[in-house]
Amino acid sequence: MSPADEPVLVVTTHPEEGAEAFARSLVERRLAACVQVLPGVRSSYRWEGRVETEPELRLDIKTTRAAAARLRDALPELHPYDVPELIVLPIVDGLPAYLDWVRTETTPTD
């Protein structure tokens, strides 16, 4: 398996409005095999000189390194934030059939 085919977990956040459509778009574009939308996140951060606290949804995106790179390139078009969170974490082990499914579902068909 090439490094590009390695499954990874991408973490991001999204405002509640539009999160489901964003998640679905990632799967439709084969940027993700699966996106879990997790409720109940409150993020505190400094933005433009002020400390902000906002409700958000966390998205766990199962994908591959290659698809994560495509996701990173598409994020400015797809995400409403000026600087969206995008953290890529390695998946060191898992059910082989599931990891194969992630690879299959994130392989472009065109």
N, C-alpha and C. Protein backbone atom coordinates (compact mmCIF):
# COMPACT_ATOMS: atom_id res chain seq x y z
N MET A 1 0.85 -1.18 0.00
CA MET A 1 0.00 0.00 0.00
C MET A 1 0.89 1.24 0.00
N SER A 2 0.56 2.19 -0.86
CA SER A 2 1.33 3.43 -0.91
C SER A 2 0.90 4.35 0.23
N PRO A 3 1.77 5.28 0.63
CA PRO A 3 1.39 6.21 1.69
C PRO A 3 0.11 6.99 1.37
N ALA A 4 -0.14 7.29 0.11
CA ALA A 4 -1.35 8.03 -0.27
C ALA A 4 -2.62 7.24 0.03
N ASP A 5 -2.52 5.92 0.05
CA ASP A 5 -3.68 5.07 0.31
C ASP A 5 -3.94 4.81 1.79
N GLU A 6 -3.06 5.31 2.66
CA GLU A 6 -3.22 5.07 4.09
C GLU A 6 -4.46 5.77 4.61
N PRO A 7 -5.33 5.08 5.35
CA PRO A 7 -6.48 5.73 5.95
C PRO A 7 -6.04 6.72 7.03
N VAL A 8 -6.77 7.83 7.11
CA VAL A 8 -6.53 8.86 8.12
C VAL A 8 -7.87 9.35 8.65
N LEU A 9 -7.82 10.02 9.79
CA LEU A 9 -8.98 10.68 10.37
C LEU A 9 -8.73 12.17 10.29
N VAL A 10 -9.63 12.88 9.65
CA VAL A 10 -9.55 14.34 9.56
C VAL A 10 -10.57 14.91 10.53
N VAL A 11 -10.15 15.87 11.33
CA VAL A 11 -11.03 16.53 12.29
C VAL A 11 -11.23 17.97 11.85
N THR A 12 -12.48 18.40 11.87
CA THR A 12 -12.81 19.80 11.63
C THR A 12 -14.03 20.16 12.45
N THR A 13 -14.36 21.44 12.48
CA THR A 13 -15.59 21.91 13.10
C THR A 13 -16.37 22.68 12.05
N HIS A 14 -17.66 22.87 12.32
CA HIS A 14 -18.54 23.55 11.37
C HIS A 14 -19.68 24.17 12.17
N PRO A 15 -20.19 25.32 11.74
CA PRO A 15 -21.40 25.81 12.40
C PRO A 15 -22.54 24.82 12.18
N GLU A 16 -23.49 24.84 13.10
CA GLU A 16 -24.60 23.88 13.00
C GLU A 16 -25.31 23.99 11.67
N GLU A 17 -25.59 25.21 11.25
CA GLU A 17 -26.26 25.42 9.96
C GLU A 17 -25.34 25.01 8.82
N GLY A 18 -25.80 24.09 8.02
CA GLY A 18 -25.05 23.64 6.86
C GLY A 18 -24.11 22.49 7.09
N ALA A 19 -23.97 22.02 8.32
CA ALA A 19 -23.01 20.95 8.62
C ALA A 19 -23.38 19.64 7.93
N GLU A 20 -24.66 19.29 7.93
CA GLU A 20 -25.08 18.04 7.29
C GLU A 20 -24.83 18.09 5.78
N ALA A 21 -25.13 19.23 5.16
CA ALA A 21 -24.89 19.38 3.72
C ALA A 21 -23.40 19.33 3.42
N PHE A 22 -22.58 19.93 4.28
CA PHE A 22 -21.13 19.89 4.12
C PHE A 22 -20.63 18.45 4.19
N ALA A 23 -21.09 17.69 5.20
CA ALA A 23 -20.68 16.30 5.36
C ALA A 23 -21.09 15.47 4.15
N ARG A 24 -22.31 15.65 3.70
CA ARG A 24 -22.79 14.91 2.53
C ARG A 24 -21.98 15.24 1.28
N SER A 25 -21.63 16.50 1.12
CA SER A 25 -20.83 16.93 -0.03
C SER A 25 -19.47 16.24 -0.05
N LEU A 26 -18.86 16.09 1.12
CA LEU A 26 -17.56 15.42 1.19
C LEU A 26 -17.66 13.97 0.72
N VAL A 27 -18.73 13.29 1.13
CA VAL A 27 -18.92 11.89 0.72
C VAL A 27 -19.24 11.83 -0.78
N GLU A 28 -20.12 12.72 -1.25
CA GLU A 28 -20.48 12.72 -2.67
C GLU A 28 -19.27 12.96 -3.57
N ARG A 29 -18.35 13.81 -3.13
CA ARG A 29 -17.15 14.14 -3.91
C ARG A 29 -16.01 13.13 -3.71
N ARG A 30 -16.29 12.09 -2.92
CA ARG A 30 -15.29 11.06 -2.59
C ARG A 30 -14.08 11.63 -1.87
N LEU A 31 -14.30 12.70 -1.13
CA LEU A 31 -13.26 13.24 -0.26
C LEU A 31 -13.29 12.54 1.09
N ALA A 32 -14.38 11.83 1.37
CA ALA A 32 -14.54 11.10 2.61
C ALA A 32 -15.36 9.84 2.35
N ALA A 33 -15.04 8.78 3.08
CA ALA A 33 -15.86 7.58 3.04
C ALA A 33 -17.04 7.73 3.99
N CYS A 34 -16.79 8.42 5.10
CA CYS A 34 -17.80 8.58 6.14
C CYS A 34 -17.48 9.85 6.92
N VAL A 35 -18.53 10.60 7.27
CA VAL A 35 -18.36 11.79 8.11
C VAL A 35 -19.33 11.66 9.28
N GLN A 36 -18.80 11.70 10.47
CA GLN A 36 -19.65 11.70 11.66
C GLN A 36 -19.76 13.13 12.16
N VAL A 37 -20.99 13.59 12.35
CA VAL A 37 -21.26 14.93 12.83
C VAL A 37 -21.62 14.82 14.31
N LEU A 38 -20.78 15.36 15.16
CA LEU A 38 -20.91 15.22 16.61
C LEU A 38 -21.40 16.53 17.22
N PRO A 39 -22.48 16.50 17.97
CA PRO A 39 -23.04 17.73 18.54
C PRO A 39 -22.35 18.14 19.84
N GLY A 40 -22.71 19.34 20.29
CA GLY A 40 -22.37 19.77 21.63
C GLY A 40 -20.97 20.32 21.83
N VAL A 41 -20.34 20.84 20.80
CA VAL A 41 -19.00 21.41 20.95
C VAL A 41 -19.14 22.91 21.16
N ARG A 42 -18.41 23.44 22.11
CA ARG A 42 -18.30 24.89 22.29
C ARG A 42 -16.83 25.21 22.17
N SER A 43 -16.50 26.04 21.23
CA SER A 43 -15.10 26.39 20.97
C SER A 43 -14.81 27.80 21.45
N SER A 44 -13.70 27.95 22.16
CA SER A 44 -13.20 29.26 22.55
C SER A 44 -11.89 29.49 21.82
N TYR A 45 -11.75 30.66 21.22
CA TYR A 45 -10.59 30.95 20.40
C TYR A 45 -10.41 32.46 20.28
N ARG A 46 -9.20 32.87 19.89
CA ARG A 46 -8.94 34.28 19.64
C ARG A 46 -9.08 34.52 18.15
N TRP A 47 -9.89 35.51 17.77
CA TRP A 47 -10.08 35.84 16.35
C TRP A 47 -10.16 37.36 16.24
N GLU A 48 -9.30 37.91 15.40
CA GLU A 48 -9.24 39.34 15.14
C GLU A 48 -9.16 40.14 16.44
N GLY A 49 -8.29 39.65 17.36
CA GLY A 49 -8.00 40.37 18.59
C GLY A 49 -8.98 40.16 19.73
N ARG A 50 -10.03 39.37 19.51
CA ARG A 50 -11.01 39.14 20.57
C ARG A 50 -11.11 37.65 20.87
N VAL A 51 -11.42 37.33 22.12
CA VAL A 51 -11.69 35.94 22.49
C VAL A 51 -13.17 35.68 22.25
N GLU A 52 -13.45 34.66 21.46
CA GLU A 52 -14.81 34.29 21.08
C GLU A 52 -15.13 32.91 21.66
N THR A 53 -16.38 32.67 21.95
CA THR A 53 -16.88 31.34 22.31
C THR A 53 -18.14 31.10 21.49
N GLU A 54 -18.12 30.02 20.71
CA GLU A 54 -19.23 29.74 19.79
C GLU A 54 -19.61 28.26 19.84
N PRO A 55 -20.90 27.96 19.67
CA PRO A 55 -21.30 26.56 19.51
C PRO A 55 -20.92 26.10 18.11
N GLU A 56 -20.45 24.88 18.01
CA GLU A 56 -20.08 24.29 16.74
C GLU A 56 -20.43 22.81 16.77
N LEU A 57 -20.27 22.17 15.63
CA LEU A 57 -20.35 20.72 15.54
C LEU A 57 -18.97 20.23 15.14
N ARG A 58 -18.55 19.11 15.72
CA ARG A 58 -17.29 18.50 15.34
C ARG A 58 -17.58 17.45 14.27
N LEU A 59 -16.72 17.42 13.27
CA LEU A 59 -16.85 16.43 12.21
C LEU A 59 -15.62 15.54 12.21
N ASP A 60 -15.83 14.24 12.32
CA ASP A 60 -14.77 13.25 12.18
C ASP A 60 -14.91 12.65 10.78
N ILE A 61 -13.89 12.84 9.98
CA ILE A 61 -13.94 12.47 8.57
C ILE A 61 -12.98 11.31 8.33
N LYS A 62 -13.52 10.17 7.92
CA LYS A 62 -12.69 9.02 7.60
C LYS A 62 -12.35 9.06 6.13
N THR A 63 -11.05 9.06 5.82
CA THR A 63 -10.61 9.23 4.45
C THR A 63 -9.20 8.65 4.31
N THR A 64 -8.53 8.96 3.23
CA THR A 64 -7.14 8.54 3.01
C THR A 64 -6.26 9.78 2.91
N ARG A 65 -4.96 9.57 2.96
CA ARG A 65 -4.03 10.71 2.82
C ARG A 65 -4.26 11.45 1.51
N ALA A 66 -4.43 10.72 0.42
CA ALA A 66 -4.63 11.36 -0.88
C ALA A 66 -5.93 12.17 -0.90
N ALA A 67 -7.00 11.59 -0.38
CA ALA A 67 -8.27 12.30 -0.36
C ALA A 67 -8.23 13.47 0.63
N ALA A 68 -7.47 13.33 1.72
CA ALA A 68 -7.32 14.44 2.67
C ALA A 68 -6.62 15.61 2.01
N ALA A 69 -5.68 15.34 1.13
CA ALA A 69 -5.01 16.42 0.39
C ALA A 69 -6.00 17.11 -0.55
N ARG A 70 -6.85 16.33 -1.20
CA ARG A 70 -7.87 16.93 -2.06
C ARG A 70 -8.88 17.73 -1.24
N LEU A 71 -9.21 17.21 -0.04
CA LEU A 71 -10.11 17.91 0.87
C LEU A 71 -9.50 19.24 1.29
N ARG A 72 -8.24 19.24 1.64
CA ARG A 72 -7.55 20.48 2.03
C ARG A 72 -7.63 21.51 0.91
N ASP A 73 -7.45 21.08 -0.33
CA ASP A 73 -7.51 22.00 -1.47
C ASP A 73 -8.93 22.52 -1.71
N ALA A 74 -9.94 21.71 -1.43
CA ALA A 74 -11.33 22.09 -1.67
C ALA A 74 -11.96 22.86 -0.51
N LEU A 75 -11.34 22.83 0.65
CA LEU A 75 -11.93 23.41 1.85
C LEU A 75 -12.31 24.88 1.71
N PRO A 76 -11.48 25.73 1.12
CA PRO A 76 -11.89 27.14 1.00
C PRO A 76 -13.20 27.33 0.25
N GLU A 77 -13.48 26.48 -0.72
CA GLU A 77 -14.72 26.56 -1.49
C GLU A 77 -15.91 25.99 -0.71
N LEU A 78 -15.67 24.95 0.09
CA LEU A 78 -16.76 24.22 0.73
C LEU A 78 -17.13 24.69 2.13
N HIS A 79 -16.20 25.32 2.84
CA HIS A 79 -16.38 25.62 4.27
C HIS A 79 -16.67 27.10 4.46
N PRO A 80 -17.57 27.45 5.38
CA PRO A 80 -17.93 28.86 5.57
C PRO A 80 -16.90 29.69 6.35
N TYR A 81 -15.98 29.06 7.07
CA TYR A 81 -15.03 29.83 7.88
C TYR A 81 -13.90 30.37 7.02
N ASP A 82 -13.34 31.50 7.42
CA ASP A 82 -12.15 32.05 6.76
C ASP A 82 -10.95 31.14 6.95
N VAL A 83 -10.82 30.58 8.16
CA VAL A 83 -9.70 29.68 8.49
C VAL A 83 -10.29 28.45 9.18
N PRO A 84 -10.80 27.49 8.41
CA PRO A 84 -11.39 26.31 9.04
C PRO A 84 -10.32 25.39 9.63
N GLU A 85 -10.71 24.72 10.70
CA GLU A 85 -9.83 23.71 11.30
C GLU A 85 -9.71 22.54 10.33
N LEU A 86 -8.50 22.03 10.19
CA LEU A 86 -8.26 20.81 9.41
C LEU A 86 -7.04 20.13 10.03
N ILE A 87 -7.30 19.07 10.78
CA ILE A 87 -6.24 18.31 11.44
C ILE A 87 -6.32 16.88 10.92
N VAL A 88 -5.20 16.37 10.44
CA VAL A 88 -5.15 15.01 9.89
C VAL A 88 -4.40 14.12 10.87
N LEU A 89 -5.06 13.06 11.32
CA LEU A 89 -4.50 12.12 12.29
C LEU A 89 -4.33 10.75 11.63
N PRO A 90 -3.20 10.09 11.88
CA PRO A 90 -3.03 8.75 11.31
C PRO A 90 -3.94 7.74 11.99
N ILE A 91 -4.37 6.77 11.23
CA ILE A 91 -5.07 5.61 11.78
C ILE A 91 -4.03 4.49 11.79
N VAL A 92 -3.63 4.06 12.97
CA VAL A 92 -2.53 3.10 13.06
C VAL A 92 -2.99 1.66 12.93
N ASP A 93 -4.27 1.40 13.13
CA ASP A 93 -4.77 0.03 13.03
C ASP A 93 -6.29 0.09 12.95
N GLY A 94 -6.88 -0.99 12.51
CA GLY A 94 -8.33 -1.06 12.44
C GLY A 94 -8.76 -2.35 11.76
N LEU A 95 -10.05 -2.54 11.67
CA LEU A 95 -10.60 -3.70 10.99
C LEU A 95 -10.21 -3.62 9.52
N PRO A 96 -9.46 -4.60 8.99
CA PRO A 96 -9.00 -4.51 7.60
C PRO A 96 -10.12 -4.26 6.60
N ALA A 97 -11.25 -4.91 6.76
CA ALA A 97 -12.35 -4.72 5.81
C ALA A 97 -12.85 -3.27 5.83
N TYR A 98 -12.90 -2.67 7.01
CA TYR A 98 -13.34 -1.27 7.12
C TYR A 98 -12.33 -0.34 6.45
N LEU A 99 -11.06 -0.55 6.71
CA LEU A 99 -10.02 0.30 6.12
C LEU A 99 -9.98 0.14 4.61
N ASP A 100 -10.23 -1.07 4.11
CA ASP A 100 -10.34 -1.28 2.66
C ASP A 100 -11.52 -0.50 2.10
N TRP A 101 -12.63 -0.51 2.82
CA TRP A 101 -13.82 0.23 2.40
C TRP A 101 -13.52 1.73 2.32
N VAL A 102 -12.80 2.26 3.32
CA VAL A 102 -12.42 3.68 3.29
C VAL A 102 -11.62 3.98 2.03
N ARG A 103 -10.66 3.13 1.70
CA ARG A 103 -9.85 3.33 0.50
C ARG A 103 -10.71 3.30 -0.76
N THR A 104 -11.61 2.33 -0.84
CA THR A 104 -12.47 2.18 -2.03
C THR A 104 -13.37 3.41 -2.20
N GLU A 105 -13.97 3.86 -1.12
CA GLU A 105 -14.94 4.95 -1.20
C GLU A 105 -14.31 6.32 -1.44
N THR A 106 -13.02 6.45 -1.27
CA THR A 106 -12.35 7.74 -1.48
C THR A 106 -11.52 7.74 -2.75
N THR A 107 -11.62 6.70 -3.53
CA THR A 107 -10.91 6.63 -4.81
C THR A 107 -11.77 7.28 -5.89
N PRO A 108 -11.26 8.31 -6.55
CA PRO A 108 -12.05 8.96 -7.61
C PRO A 108 -12.42 7.95 -8.70
N THR A 109 -13.63 8.10 -9.24
CA THR A 109 -14.10 7.17 -10.27
C THR A 109 -13.95 7.71 -11.67
N ASP A 110 -13.57 8.97 -11.81
CA ASP A 110 -13.45 9.54 -13.16
C ASP A 110 -12.07 9.48 -13.71
